[in-house]
Amino acid sequence: MLLRVLKSKLHMAAVTQTELHYHGSVTIDRDLMDAVGLLPYEQVLIANCENGLRGESYVIEGERGSGAIQMNGALARLAQKGDRLIILAFAYSEAEDVSSVRPQVAILDDQNKIIEQFAGEIT
């Protein structure tokens, strides 16, 4: 049996920009993507800590070092600049392997700088 488990997490990412008239996605600074193992076009779940709204989309690579977290297209309706988000990506694992899964987690400050980073543990 396959189980869907957490693979990557950006915790408390701050929205830097919204672009309603774009064809969708979330743009993320490539350095932040690398820190948690996110790939271009990977599906993500985005939870807005300010208003409780959630949405799913895919990742577009942003400029390295920019701190970019840009909500594009319909996602732009879910957040505004400065809102804090949790961005999650999942992967499938065989049930017997779940105990060895170590999600890559980065906790960010209000400028999207990593203040803590670790490989989590499912317990």
C-alpha atoms as a PDB file:
ATOM      1  CA  MET A   1       0.000   0.000   0.000  1.00  0.00           C
ATOM      2  CA  LEU A   2       1.216   3.484  -0.841  1.00  0.00           C
ATOM      3  CA  LEU A   3       0.781   6.328   1.639  1.00  0.00           C
ATOM      4  CA  ARG A   4       1.054  10.034   0.839  1.00  0.00           C
ATOM      5  CA  VAL A   5       3.577  11.626   3.206  1.00  0.00           C
ATOM      6  CA  LEU A   6       5.127  15.045   3.665  1.00  0.00           C
ATOM      7  CA  LYS A   7       8.238  15.557   1.512  1.00  0.00           C
ATOM      8  CA  SER A   8       8.941  19.313   1.696  1.00  0.00           C
ATOM      9  CA  LYS A   9       7.744  22.232   3.800  1.00  0.00           C
ATOM     10  CA  LEU A  10       8.356  25.986   3.743  1.00  0.00           C
ATOM     11  CA  HIS A  11       6.923  27.234   7.043  1.00  0.00           C
ATOM     12  CA  MET A  12       5.761  30.853   7.458  1.00  0.00           C
ATOM     13  CA  ALA A  13       6.807  32.017   3.989  1.00  0.00           C
ATOM     14  CA  ALA A  14       5.819  35.653   3.416  1.00  0.00           C
ATOM     15  CA  VAL A  15       4.023  36.558   0.191  1.00  0.00           C
ATOM     16  CA  THR A  16       6.174  39.070  -1.684  1.00  0.00           C
ATOM     17  CA  GLN A  17       3.836  39.695  -4.604  1.00  0.00           C
ATOM     18  CA  THR A  18       0.567  38.609  -6.205  1.00  0.00           C
ATOM     19  CA  GLU A  19      -0.099  38.564  -9.937  1.00  0.00           C
ATOM     20  CA  LEU A  20      -3.750  37.889 -10.744  1.00  0.00           C
ATOM     21  CA  HIS A  21      -3.330  38.191 -14.523  1.00  0.00           C
ATOM     22  CA  TYR A  22      -0.978  35.251 -14.877  1.00  0.00           C
ATOM     23  CA  HIS A  23      -1.775  31.696 -15.889  1.00  0.00           C
ATOM     24  CA  GLY A  24      -1.321  30.168 -12.429  1.00  0.00           C
ATOM     25  CA  SER A  25       1.283  28.722 -10.092  1.00  0.00           C
ATOM     26  CA  VAL A  26       3.415  29.942  -7.209  1.00  0.00           C
ATOM     27  CA  THR A  27       6.852  31.430  -7.886  1.00  0.00           C
ATOM     28  CA  ILE A  28       9.435  30.468  -5.251  1.00  0.00           C
ATOM     29  CA  ASP A  29      13.048  31.638  -4.867  1.00  0.00           C
ATOM     30  CA  ARG A  30      15.221  28.813  -6.239  1.00  0.00           C
ATOM     31  CA  ASP A  31      17.391  28.839  -3.099  1.00  0.00           C
ATOM     32  CA  LEU A  32      14.285  28.127  -0.997  1.00  0.00           C
ATOM     33  CA  MET A  33      13.233  25.397  -3.420  1.00  0.00           C
ATOM     34  CA  ASP A  34      16.641  23.744  -3.117  1.00  0.00           C
ATOM     35  CA  ALA A  35      16.601  24.019   0.684  1.00  0.00           C
ATOM     36  CA  VAL A  36      13.548  21.750   0.911  1.00  0.00           C
ATOM     37  CA  GLY A  37      13.898  19.747  -2.294  1.00  0.00           C
ATOM     38  CA  LEU A  38      11.096  21.334  -4.327  1.00  0.00           C
ATOM     39  CA  LEU A  39      11.266  20.911  -8.092  1.00  0.00           C
ATOM     40  CA  PRO A  40       9.955  23.126 -10.896  1.00  0.00           C
ATOM     41  CA  TYR A  41       6.341  22.206 -11.750  1.00  0.00           C
ATOM     42  CA  GLU A  42       5.973  20.086  -8.605  1.00  0.00           C
ATOM     43  CA  GLN A  43       2.492  20.146  -7.104  1.00  0.00           C
ATOM     44  CA  VAL A  44       2.160  21.989  -3.794  1.00  0.00           C
ATOM     45  CA  LEU A  45      -0.537  22.663  -1.231  1.00  0.00           C
ATOM     46  CA  ILE A  46      -0.505  26.215   0.101  1.00  0.00           C
ATOM     47  CA  ALA A  47      -2.123  27.149   3.417  1.00  0.00           C
ATOM     48  CA  ASN A  48      -2.558  30.825   4.265  1.00  0.00           C
ATOM     49  CA  CYS A  49      -2.005  31.365   8.008  1.00  0.00           C
ATOM     50  CA  GLU A  50      -3.715  34.786   7.879  1.00  0.00           C
ATOM     51  CA  ASN A  51      -7.113  33.721   6.545  1.00  0.00           C
ATOM     52  CA  GLY A  52      -7.178  29.911   6.646  1.00  0.00           C
ATOM     53  CA  LEU A  53      -7.586  29.532   2.885  1.00  0.00           C
ATOM     54  CA  ARG A  54      -5.859  26.690   1.054  1.00  0.00           C
ATOM     55  CA  GLY A  55      -5.052  26.087  -2.584  1.00  0.00           C
ATOM     56  CA  GLU A  56      -3.132  23.689  -4.774  1.00  0.00           C
ATOM     57  CA  SER A  57      -0.890  24.615  -7.656  1.00  0.00           C
ATOM     58  CA  TYR A  58       2.588  23.990  -8.998  1.00  0.00           C
ATOM     59  CA  VAL A  59       5.968  25.614  -8.433  1.00  0.00           C
ATOM     60  CA  ILE A  60       7.721  27.964 -10.837  1.00  0.00           C
ATOM     61  CA  GLU A  61      11.371  28.703 -10.169  1.00  0.00           C
ATOM     62  CA  GLY A  62      12.080  32.240  -8.984  1.00  0.00           C
ATOM     63  CA  GLU A  63      15.331  34.166  -8.991  1.00  0.00           C
ATOM     64  CA  ARG A  64      17.948  32.855  -6.548  1.00  0.00           C
ATOM     65  CA  GLY A  65      18.355  34.990  -3.459  1.00  0.00           C
ATOM     66  CA  SER A  66      15.282  37.080  -4.244  1.00  0.00           C
ATOM     67  CA  GLY A  67      13.150  35.716  -1.407  1.00  0.00           C
ATOM     68  CA  ALA A  68      10.281  35.542  -3.899  1.00  0.00           C
ATOM     69  CA  ILE A  69       7.018  33.925  -2.880  1.00  0.00           C
ATOM     70  CA  GLN A  70       4.615  35.108  -5.566  1.00  0.00           C
ATOM     71  CA  MET A  71       1.035  33.901  -5.830  1.00  0.00           C
ATOM     72  CA  ASN A  72      -0.022  33.797  -9.483  1.00  0.00           C
ATOM     73  CA  GLY A  73      -3.361  33.529 -11.272  1.00  0.00           C
ATOM     74  CA  ALA A  74      -6.258  32.277  -9.173  1.00  0.00           C
ATOM     75  CA  LEU A  75      -3.915  31.785  -6.187  1.00  0.00           C
ATOM     76  CA  ALA A  76      -3.525  35.564  -6.060  1.00  0.00           C
ATOM     77  CA  ARG A  77      -7.106  35.671  -4.721  1.00  0.00           C
ATOM     78  CA  LEU A  78      -6.061  33.557  -1.703  1.00  0.00           C
ATOM     79  CA  ALA A  79      -3.412  35.905  -0.315  1.00  0.00           C
ATOM     80  CA  GLN A  80      -2.043  39.387  -0.255  1.00  0.00           C
ATOM     81  CA  LYS A  81       1.471  40.746   0.092  1.00  0.00           C
ATOM     82  CA  GLY A  82       2.823  40.024   3.574  1.00  0.00           C
ATOM     83  CA  ASP A  83       0.527  37.075   4.335  1.00  0.00           C
ATOM     84  CA  ARG A  84       2.359  34.144   5.908  1.00  0.00           C
ATOM     85  CA  LEU A  85       2.007  30.766   4.193  1.00  0.00           C
ATOM     86  CA  ILE A  86       2.831  27.137   4.748  1.00  0.00           C
ATOM     87  CA  ILE A  87       3.865  25.517   1.449  1.00  0.00           C
ATOM     88  CA  LEU A  88       3.752  21.715   1.452  1.00  0.00           C
ATOM     89  CA  ALA A  89       4.749  19.026  -1.048  1.00  0.00           C
ATOM     90  CA  PHE A  90       3.998  15.352  -0.665  1.00  0.00           C
ATOM     91  CA  ALA A  91       5.370  12.071  -2.010  1.00  0.00           C
ATOM     92  CA  TYR A  92       4.200   8.488  -1.997  1.00  0.00           C
ATOM     93  CA  SER A  93       5.916   5.903   0.162  1.00  0.00           C
ATOM     94  CA  GLU A  94       5.388   2.225   0.748  1.00  0.00           C
ATOM     95  CA  ALA A  95       3.732   1.763   4.147  1.00  0.00           C
ATOM     96  CA  GLU A  96       6.695  -0.186   5.509  1.00  0.00           C
ATOM     97  CA  ASP A  97       9.081   2.656   4.568  1.00  0.00           C
ATOM     98  CA  VAL A  98       7.148   5.539   6.169  1.00  0.00           C
ATOM     99  CA  SER A  99       9.166   5.388   9.389  1.00  0.00           C
ATOM    100  CA  SER A 100      12.307   6.318   7.439  1.00  0.00           C
ATOM    101  CA  VAL A 101      10.774   9.357   5.696  1.00  0.00           C
ATOM    102  CA  ARG A 102      12.505  12.625   6.640  1.00  0.00           C
ATOM    103  CA  PRO A 103      10.664  15.658   5.240  1.00  0.00           C
ATOM    104  CA  GLN A 104      12.884  18.639   4.429  1.00  0.00           C
ATOM    105  CA  VAL A 105      11.630  21.640   6.432  1.00  0.00           C
ATOM    106  CA  ALA A 106      12.686  25.295   6.386  1.00  0.00           C
ATOM    107  CA  ILE A 107      11.232  27.868   8.766  1.00  0.00           C
ATOM    108  CA  LEU A 108      11.390  31.386   7.360  1.00  0.00           C
ATOM    109  CA  ASP A 109      11.433  34.897   8.803  1.00  0.00           C
ATOM    110  CA  ASP A 110       9.334  37.757   7.433  1.00  0.00           C
ATOM    111  CA  GLN A 111      11.960  38.397   4.700  1.00  0.00           C
ATOM    112  CA  ASN A 112      11.914  34.710   3.628  1.00  0.00           C
ATOM    113  CA  LYS A 113      15.351  34.028   5.045  1.00  0.00           C
ATOM    114  CA  ILE A 114      15.809  30.572   6.543  1.00  0.00           C
ATOM    115  CA  ILE A 115      16.017  30.802  10.329  1.00  0.00           C
ATOM    116  CA  GLU A 116      15.820  27.053  10.951  1.00  0.00           C
ATOM    117  CA  GLN A 117      16.232  24.045   8.692  1.00  0.00           C
ATOM    118  CA  PHE A 118      15.997  20.359   9.409  1.00  0.00           C
ATOM    119  CA  ALA A 119      14.993  16.949   8.134  1.00  0.00           C
ATOM    120  CA  GLY A 120      11.824  16.162  10.016  1.00  0.00           C
ATOM    121  CA  GLU A 121      10.740  12.836  11.381  1.00  0.00           C
ATOM    122  CA  ILE A 122       7.345  11.239  11.170  1.00  0.00           C
ATOM    123  CA  THR A 123       6.411   9.922  14.595  1.00  0.00           C
END
